[in-house]
Amino acid sequence: MQRETRHLGPQQSTLAYLPLNQLFDEQGVANERVFNQIPDGAIIEIVRPNWDLTQQIGTRLDISHLGFAFWENHQLMFRQASSLTHAVISTRLIDYLREALPSPTIKGIHILEVVPTQSTPKNCQIHHTT
């Protein structure tokens, strides 16, 4: 991929995100008001601004991981492909992000909401499985 994209020059990027310090206080207590506003089915991206991976992959990244937020039994779950377990797992988003608090590079989350367009067929339904 590096060989095929060498002709592309560096580009500046900007990304709006919720900083971890707006999601948790200094003691690691979650701001439930903010978490409760995350919509079911949202895409959650883990933000590491300008994360330097030039040695490993030849570039810097702003997003290191992503998963999906689902409300299950009044809990906001984070479904993601885990490199530790080599499986798709679900964990509470609050717990996942609380573990990221000590990280010097993880700074927050970017939330994307999937919104059906008018061209979405009326018989198209979203089904959640556990």
N, C-alpha and C. Protein backbone atom coordinates (compact mmCIF):
# COMPACT_ATOMS: atom_id res chain seq x y z
N MET A 1 0.82 -1.18 0.00
CA MET A 1 0.00 0.00 0.00
C MET A 1 0.87 1.25 0.00
N GLN A 2 1.97 1.23 0.75
CA GLN A 2 2.85 2.39 0.78
C GLN A 2 3.39 2.68 -0.62
N ARG A 3 3.76 1.65 -1.34
CA ARG A 3 4.32 1.82 -2.68
C ARG A 3 3.28 2.46 -3.61
N GLU A 4 2.05 2.03 -3.52
CA GLU A 4 1.01 2.54 -4.40
C GLU A 4 0.53 3.93 -4.04
N THR A 5 0.84 4.39 -2.84
CA THR A 5 0.38 5.73 -2.44
C THR A 5 1.51 6.73 -2.26
N ARG A 6 2.72 6.37 -2.67
CA ARG A 6 3.87 7.30 -2.52
C ARG A 6 3.66 8.63 -3.21
N HIS A 7 2.92 8.64 -4.30
CA HIS A 7 2.70 9.88 -5.04
C HIS A 7 1.78 10.85 -4.29
N LEU A 8 1.10 10.37 -3.28
CA LEU A 8 0.22 11.23 -2.48
C LEU A 8 1.04 11.91 -1.40
N GLY A 9 0.91 13.19 -1.28
CA GLY A 9 1.64 13.93 -0.26
C GLY A 9 0.89 13.93 1.06
N PRO A 10 1.57 14.39 2.10
CA PRO A 10 0.90 14.49 3.41
C PRO A 10 -0.27 15.47 3.33
N GLN A 11 -1.30 15.17 4.09
CA GLN A 11 -2.46 16.05 4.17
C GLN A 11 -2.80 16.29 5.63
N GLN A 12 -3.17 17.51 5.93
CA GLN A 12 -3.60 17.87 7.27
C GLN A 12 -5.03 17.40 7.46
N SER A 13 -5.33 16.84 8.60
CA SER A 13 -6.70 16.41 8.88
C SER A 13 -7.18 17.04 10.18
N THR A 14 -8.48 17.19 10.28
CA THR A 14 -9.09 17.65 11.51
C THR A 14 -10.22 16.69 11.85
N LEU A 15 -10.44 16.48 13.13
CA LEU A 15 -11.45 15.54 13.57
C LEU A 15 -12.04 16.04 14.88
N ALA A 16 -13.33 16.30 14.88
CA ALA A 16 -14.01 16.68 16.12
C ALA A 16 -14.22 15.43 16.95
N TYR A 17 -13.96 15.53 18.25
CA TYR A 17 -14.15 14.37 19.11
C TYR A 17 -14.47 14.80 20.54
N LEU A 18 -15.02 13.87 21.29
CA LEU A 18 -15.28 14.10 22.70
C LEU A 18 -14.06 13.69 23.49
N PRO A 19 -13.41 14.61 24.17
CA PRO A 19 -12.23 14.26 24.97
C PRO A 19 -12.61 13.39 26.16
N LEU A 20 -11.68 12.53 26.56
CA LEU A 20 -11.93 11.66 27.71
C LEU A 20 -12.27 12.45 28.96
N ASN A 21 -11.71 13.67 29.10
CA ASN A 21 -12.00 14.45 30.31
C ASN A 21 -13.41 15.02 30.33
N GLN A 22 -14.16 14.89 29.23
CA GLN A 22 -15.58 15.24 29.24
C GLN A 22 -16.43 14.00 29.48
N LEU A 23 -15.83 12.83 29.31
CA LEU A 23 -16.54 11.58 29.54
C LEU A 23 -16.36 11.08 30.97
N PHE A 24 -15.25 11.48 31.62
CA PHE A 24 -14.93 11.04 32.98
C PHE A 24 -14.36 12.21 33.78
N ASP A 25 -14.60 12.20 35.09
CA ASP A 25 -13.96 13.21 35.93
C ASP A 25 -12.57 12.72 36.33
N GLU A 26 -11.87 13.48 37.18
CA GLU A 26 -10.49 13.13 37.55
C GLU A 26 -10.39 11.80 38.30
N GLN A 27 -11.48 11.39 38.94
CA GLN A 27 -11.47 10.12 39.68
C GLN A 27 -11.91 8.94 38.80
N GLY A 28 -12.20 9.19 37.53
CA GLY A 28 -12.63 8.12 36.64
C GLY A 28 -14.11 7.82 36.68
N VAL A 29 -14.89 8.72 37.29
CA VAL A 29 -16.34 8.54 37.34
C VAL A 29 -16.93 9.01 36.02
N ALA A 30 -17.76 8.16 35.42
CA ALA A 30 -18.33 8.46 34.10
C ALA A 30 -19.37 9.56 34.18
N ASN A 31 -19.38 10.41 33.15
CA ASN A 31 -20.41 11.44 32.99
C ASN A 31 -21.59 10.76 32.29
N GLU A 32 -22.49 10.19 33.09
CA GLU A 32 -23.61 9.40 32.55
C GLU A 32 -24.48 10.23 31.59
N ARG A 33 -24.60 11.53 31.84
CA ARG A 33 -25.41 12.39 30.97
C ARG A 33 -24.89 12.35 29.54
N VAL A 34 -23.58 12.37 29.37
CA VAL A 34 -22.98 12.33 28.03
C VAL A 34 -23.16 10.95 27.41
N PHE A 35 -22.84 9.90 28.17
CA PHE A 35 -22.97 8.54 27.64
C PHE A 35 -24.41 8.23 27.23
N ASN A 36 -25.39 8.73 27.99
CA ASN A 36 -26.79 8.47 27.68
C ASN A 36 -27.25 9.09 26.37
N GLN A 37 -26.49 10.03 25.82
CA GLN A 37 -26.85 10.66 24.56
C GLN A 37 -26.31 9.92 23.34
N ILE A 38 -25.50 8.91 23.55
CA ILE A 38 -24.94 8.16 22.42
C ILE A 38 -26.03 7.27 21.85
N PRO A 39 -26.34 7.42 20.56
CA PRO A 39 -27.46 6.67 19.98
C PRO A 39 -27.14 5.19 19.74
N ASP A 40 -28.18 4.39 19.81
CA ASP A 40 -28.08 2.97 19.52
C ASP A 40 -27.56 2.77 18.10
N GLY A 41 -26.58 1.91 17.94
CA GLY A 41 -26.04 1.62 16.61
C GLY A 41 -24.96 2.59 16.16
N ALA A 42 -24.55 3.52 17.01
CA ALA A 42 -23.52 4.50 16.63
C ALA A 42 -22.18 3.81 16.43
N ILE A 43 -21.39 4.37 15.55
CA ILE A 43 -20.01 3.92 15.35
C ILE A 43 -19.14 4.75 16.29
N ILE A 44 -18.34 4.07 17.10
CA ILE A 44 -17.45 4.74 18.05
C ILE A 44 -16.02 4.54 17.58
N GLU A 45 -15.33 5.64 17.31
CA GLU A 45 -13.93 5.58 16.90
C GLU A 45 -13.06 6.05 18.06
N ILE A 46 -12.00 5.32 18.31
CA ILE A 46 -11.05 5.68 19.37
C ILE A 46 -10.04 6.65 18.77
N VAL A 47 -9.96 7.84 19.33
CA VAL A 47 -9.17 8.93 18.77
C VAL A 47 -7.80 9.01 19.45
N ARG A 48 -6.77 8.99 18.61
CA ARG A 48 -5.38 9.19 19.04
C ARG A 48 -4.80 10.24 18.08
N PRO A 49 -4.96 11.52 18.37
CA PRO A 49 -4.54 12.56 17.42
C PRO A 49 -3.07 12.45 17.05
N ASN A 50 -2.84 12.40 15.74
CA ASN A 50 -1.48 12.42 15.19
C ASN A 50 -0.61 11.30 15.77
N TRP A 51 -1.19 10.14 15.98
CA TRP A 51 -0.49 8.99 16.56
C TRP A 51 0.61 8.55 15.60
N ASP A 52 1.82 8.61 16.04
CA ASP A 52 2.98 8.37 15.17
C ASP A 52 3.26 6.88 14.99
N LEU A 53 2.88 6.38 13.82
CA LEU A 53 3.15 4.99 13.45
C LEU A 53 4.01 4.94 12.19
N THR A 54 4.80 5.98 11.98
CA THR A 54 5.60 6.02 10.75
C THR A 54 6.57 4.87 10.65
N GLN A 55 7.13 4.42 11.76
CA GLN A 55 8.05 3.28 11.73
C GLN A 55 7.34 1.99 11.34
N GLN A 56 6.11 1.81 11.85
CA GLN A 56 5.38 0.57 11.63
C GLN A 56 4.65 0.53 10.28
N ILE A 57 3.96 1.63 9.93
CA ILE A 57 3.13 1.61 8.71
C ILE A 57 3.40 2.78 7.77
N GLY A 58 4.30 3.67 8.15
CA GLY A 58 4.68 4.76 7.25
C GLY A 58 3.85 6.02 7.35
N THR A 59 3.00 6.13 8.35
CA THR A 59 2.17 7.33 8.47
C THR A 59 1.74 7.52 9.92
N ARG A 60 1.05 8.60 10.15
CA ARG A 60 0.43 8.87 11.44
C ARG A 60 -1.07 8.60 11.30
N LEU A 61 -1.72 8.31 12.41
CA LEU A 61 -3.16 8.04 12.41
C LEU A 61 -3.86 8.92 13.44
N ASP A 62 -5.14 9.16 13.22
CA ASP A 62 -5.97 9.85 14.20
C ASP A 62 -6.94 8.87 14.86
N ILE A 63 -7.25 7.77 14.19
CA ILE A 63 -8.17 6.76 14.70
C ILE A 63 -7.41 5.45 14.82
N SER A 64 -7.46 4.84 16.01
CA SER A 64 -6.73 3.58 16.19
C SER A 64 -7.64 2.36 16.22
N HIS A 65 -8.93 2.55 16.45
CA HIS A 65 -9.83 1.41 16.60
C HIS A 65 -11.26 1.91 16.47
N LEU A 66 -12.17 1.01 16.17
CA LEU A 66 -13.58 1.39 16.15
C LEU A 66 -14.44 0.20 16.51
N GLY A 67 -15.66 0.51 16.88
CA GLY A 67 -16.64 -0.51 17.20
C GLY A 67 -18.02 0.13 17.15
N PHE A 68 -19.01 -0.62 17.59
CA PHE A 68 -20.39 -0.16 17.53
C PHE A 68 -20.98 -0.08 18.93
N ALA A 69 -21.76 0.97 19.17
CA ALA A 69 -22.43 1.15 20.45
C ALA A 69 -23.86 0.64 20.33
N PHE A 70 -24.25 -0.24 21.27
CA PHE A 70 -25.60 -0.76 21.31
C PHE A 70 -26.12 -0.71 22.74
N TRP A 71 -27.37 -0.30 22.85
CA TRP A 71 -28.01 -0.31 24.16
C TRP A 71 -28.61 -1.68 24.38
N GLU A 72 -28.17 -2.36 25.45
CA GLU A 72 -28.69 -3.66 25.83
C GLU A 72 -28.97 -3.65 27.33
N ASN A 73 -30.23 -3.91 27.69
CA ASN A 73 -30.62 -3.93 29.11
C ASN A 73 -30.18 -2.66 29.85
N HIS A 74 -30.40 -1.51 29.23
CA HIS A 74 -30.07 -0.20 29.79
C HIS A 74 -28.58 0.03 29.98
N GLN A 75 -27.76 -0.75 29.31
CA GLN A 75 -26.30 -0.59 29.36
C GLN A 75 -25.80 -0.27 27.95
N LEU A 76 -24.91 0.71 27.83
CA LEU A 76 -24.32 1.03 26.54
C LEU A 76 -23.12 0.11 26.31
N MET A 77 -23.27 -0.80 25.36
CA MET A 77 -22.25 -1.80 25.08
C MET A 77 -21.41 -1.37 23.89
N PHE A 78 -20.17 -1.82 23.87
CA PHE A 78 -19.23 -1.54 22.79
C PHE A 78 -18.86 -2.89 22.16
N ARG A 79 -19.31 -3.10 20.93
CA ARG A 79 -19.03 -4.34 20.21
C ARG A 79 -17.88 -4.07 19.26
N GLN A 80 -16.82 -4.87 19.41
CA GLN A 80 -15.60 -4.61 18.65
C GLN A 80 -14.82 -5.89 18.43
N ALA A 81 -13.98 -5.87 17.44
CA ALA A 81 -13.10 -7.00 17.17
C ALA A 81 -11.86 -6.83 18.04
N SER A 82 -11.68 -7.74 18.96
CA SER A 82 -10.58 -7.65 19.91
C SER A 82 -9.33 -8.33 19.36
N SER A 83 -8.22 -7.60 19.37
CA SER A 83 -6.95 -8.21 18.97
C SER A 83 -6.40 -9.09 20.09
N LEU A 84 -6.89 -8.92 21.30
CA LEU A 84 -6.45 -9.75 22.42
C LEU A 84 -7.09 -11.13 22.39
N THR A 85 -8.39 -11.19 22.12
CA THR A 85 -9.10 -12.46 22.12
C THR A 85 -9.28 -13.04 20.72
N HIS A 86 -8.96 -12.25 19.70
CA HIS A 86 -9.15 -12.66 18.30
C HIS A 86 -10.61 -13.05 18.04
N ALA A 87 -11.51 -12.27 18.62
CA ALA A 87 -12.94 -12.51 18.46
C ALA A 87 -13.69 -11.19 18.58
N VAL A 88 -14.93 -11.19 18.12
CA VAL A 88 -15.80 -10.04 18.32
C VAL A 88 -16.38 -10.16 19.72
N ILE A 89 -16.21 -9.10 20.51
CA ILE A 89 -16.68 -9.11 21.89
C ILE A 89 -17.50 -7.86 22.17
N SER A 90 -18.29 -7.95 23.22
CA SER A 90 -19.04 -6.79 23.70
C SER A 90 -18.66 -6.53 25.15
N THR A 91 -18.44 -5.28 25.45
CA THR A 91 -18.15 -4.85 26.81
C THR A 91 -18.84 -3.51 27.01
N ARG A 92 -19.06 -3.12 28.24
CA ARG A 92 -19.66 -1.80 28.47
C ARG A 92 -18.71 -0.74 27.95
N LEU A 93 -19.24 0.23 27.20
CA LEU A 93 -18.40 1.29 26.64
C LEU A 93 -17.69 2.06 27.76
N ILE A 94 -18.39 2.30 28.85
CA ILE A 94 -17.78 3.02 29.97
C ILE A 94 -16.55 2.26 30.47
N ASP A 95 -16.65 0.94 30.62
CA ASP A 95 -15.53 0.15 31.11
C ASP A 95 -14.37 0.16 30.11
N TYR A 96 -14.69 0.03 28.82
CA TYR A 96 -13.65 0.04 27.79
C TYR A 96 -12.87 1.35 27.84
N LEU A 97 -13.59 2.45 27.91
CA LEU A 97 -12.93 3.77 27.91
C LEU A 97 -12.23 4.07 29.23
N ARG A 98 -12.78 3.58 30.32
CA ARG A 98 -12.12 3.79 31.62
C ARG A 98 -10.72 3.15 31.60
N GLU A 99 -10.60 1.99 30.96
CA GLU A 99 -9.30 1.33 30.84
C GLU A 99 -8.34 2.15 29.98
N ALA A 100 -8.87 3.00 29.09
CA ALA A 100 -8.03 3.82 28.22
C ALA A 100 -7.55 5.10 28.90
N LEU A 101 -8.12 5.45 30.04
CA LEU A 101 -7.76 6.71 30.71
C LEU A 101 -6.26 6.88 30.94
N PRO A 102 -5.52 5.85 31.35
CA PRO A 102 -4.08 6.04 31.58
C PRO A 102 -3.25 6.16 30.30
N SER A 103 -3.83 5.86 29.17
CA SER A 103 -3.07 5.88 27.92
C SER A 103 -2.60 7.30 27.60
N PRO A 104 -1.32 7.45 27.26
CA PRO A 104 -0.83 8.79 26.89
C PRO A 104 -1.27 9.22 25.50
N THR A 105 -1.78 8.29 24.68
CA THR A 105 -2.11 8.65 23.30
C THR A 105 -3.62 8.67 23.02
N ILE A 106 -4.42 7.91 23.76
CA ILE A 106 -5.87 7.92 23.53
C ILE A 106 -6.45 9.17 24.17
N LYS A 107 -7.09 10.00 23.35
CA LYS A 107 -7.58 11.29 23.83
C LYS A 107 -9.10 11.41 23.90
N GLY A 108 -9.83 10.53 23.18
CA GLY A 108 -11.28 10.64 23.22
C GLY A 108 -11.93 9.73 22.21
N ILE A 109 -13.21 10.05 21.91
CA ILE A 109 -13.97 9.26 20.95
C ILE A 109 -14.64 10.16 19.93
N HIS A 110 -14.77 9.64 18.74
CA HIS A 110 -15.53 10.28 17.67
C HIS A 110 -16.76 9.41 17.46
N ILE A 111 -17.93 10.02 17.45
CA ILE A 111 -19.18 9.27 17.36
C ILE A 111 -19.83 9.56 16.01
N LEU A 112 -20.15 8.49 15.31
CA LEU A 112 -20.85 8.61 14.03
C LEU A 112 -22.20 7.92 14.17
N GLU A 113 -23.26 8.62 13.79
CA GLU A 113 -24.59 8.03 13.83
C GLU A 113 -25.01 7.67 12.42
N VAL A 114 -25.48 6.44 12.25
CA VAL A 114 -25.97 5.99 10.96
C VAL A 114 -27.42 6.46 10.84
N VAL A 115 -27.68 7.27 9.83
CA VAL A 115 -29.02 7.83 9.64
C VAL A 115 -29.55 7.34 8.29
N PRO A 116 -30.68 6.61 8.31
CA PRO A 116 -31.24 6.15 7.04
C PRO A 116 -31.60 7.33 6.15
N THR A 117 -31.39 7.17 4.87
CA THR A 117 -31.77 8.22 3.91
C THR A 117 -33.16 7.92 3.38
N GLN A 118 -33.70 8.85 2.64
CA GLN A 118 -35.03 8.64 2.07
C GLN A 118 -35.03 7.53 1.04
N SER A 119 -33.85 7.19 0.52
CA SER A 119 -33.79 6.12 -0.47
C SER A 119 -33.72 4.73 0.16
N THR A 120 -33.69 4.67 1.51
CA THR A 120 -33.68 3.39 2.19
C THR A 120 -35.03 2.70 1.98
N PRO A 121 -35.02 1.46 1.52
CA PRO A 121 -36.30 0.77 1.31
C PRO A 121 -37.11 0.69 2.60
N LYS A 122 -38.43 0.85 2.47
CA LYS A 122 -39.30 0.85 3.64
C LYS A 122 -39.30 -0.49 4.36
N ASN A 123 -39.02 -1.57 3.64
CA ASN A 123 -39.03 -2.88 4.27
C ASN A 123 -37.68 -3.25 4.87
N CYS A 124 -36.70 -2.33 4.85
CA CYS A 124 -35.38 -2.57 5.42
C CYS A 124 -35.47 -2.41 6.93
N GLN A 125 -35.06 -3.43 7.66
CA GLN A 125 -35.11 -3.39 9.12
C GLN A 125 -33.74 -3.72 9.68
N ILE A 126 -33.47 -3.15 10.85
CA ILE A 126 -32.21 -3.44 11.56
C ILE A 126 -32.55 -4.40 12.69
N HIS A 127 -31.84 -5.50 12.76
CA HIS A 127 -32.04 -6.49 13.81
C HIS A 127 -30.81 -6.58 14.66
N HIS A 128 -30.99 -6.57 15.97
CA HIS A 128 -29.87 -6.70 16.91
C HIS A 128 -29.86 -8.14 17.42
N THR A 129 -28.66 -8.69 17.46
CA THR A 129 -28.51 -10.02 18.06
C THR A 129 -27.46 -9.93 19.14
N THR A 130 -27.51 -10.85 20.06
CA THR A 130 -26.51 -10.86 21.12
C THR A 130 -25.73 -12.15 21.08
